[in-house]
Amino acid sequence: MAGIEFFRTVMGRKFYEYDVPQLVDGIKRMAAALEKQKEEAYTWILADDKMPAKEGMYFVYAESQDPDQYLNTIAWYDPKTKEWTLIPESWAEAITHWMSTPKAPFKLPD
């Protein structure tokens, strides 16, 4: 195709007029979804508003008997019983907030 500019061909016009906008829209949707996931993954959630849907380990914030102290630890949540188990076991007044734990770090291949 020497001498003919790609954007002047039927295929080139289709690429620039249809394919590129579709790719840009897809990238924007993926970026928005990743941003939303990032925001939701590491935000404290009020336990009165929502509890985890899945059984597993979560970061929790709990009140203690001393109003100047608080407990920030990991707990196991069981949605069937709707109960938290603190890890390590300790006494807490009430778990007021929770958030997902981050995914394990990955190791790049050698």
Foldseek 3Di string as FASTA:
>chain_A
DPPDDQCPDPVNVCCVVPVVVVVVVVVVVVVVVVVVCVVQQPDKDFVVVDDDPDWDKKWWWFAAPDNVDIDTAIWTADPVVRDIATVVHDDGPDTGIIHHDDDDDDDDDD
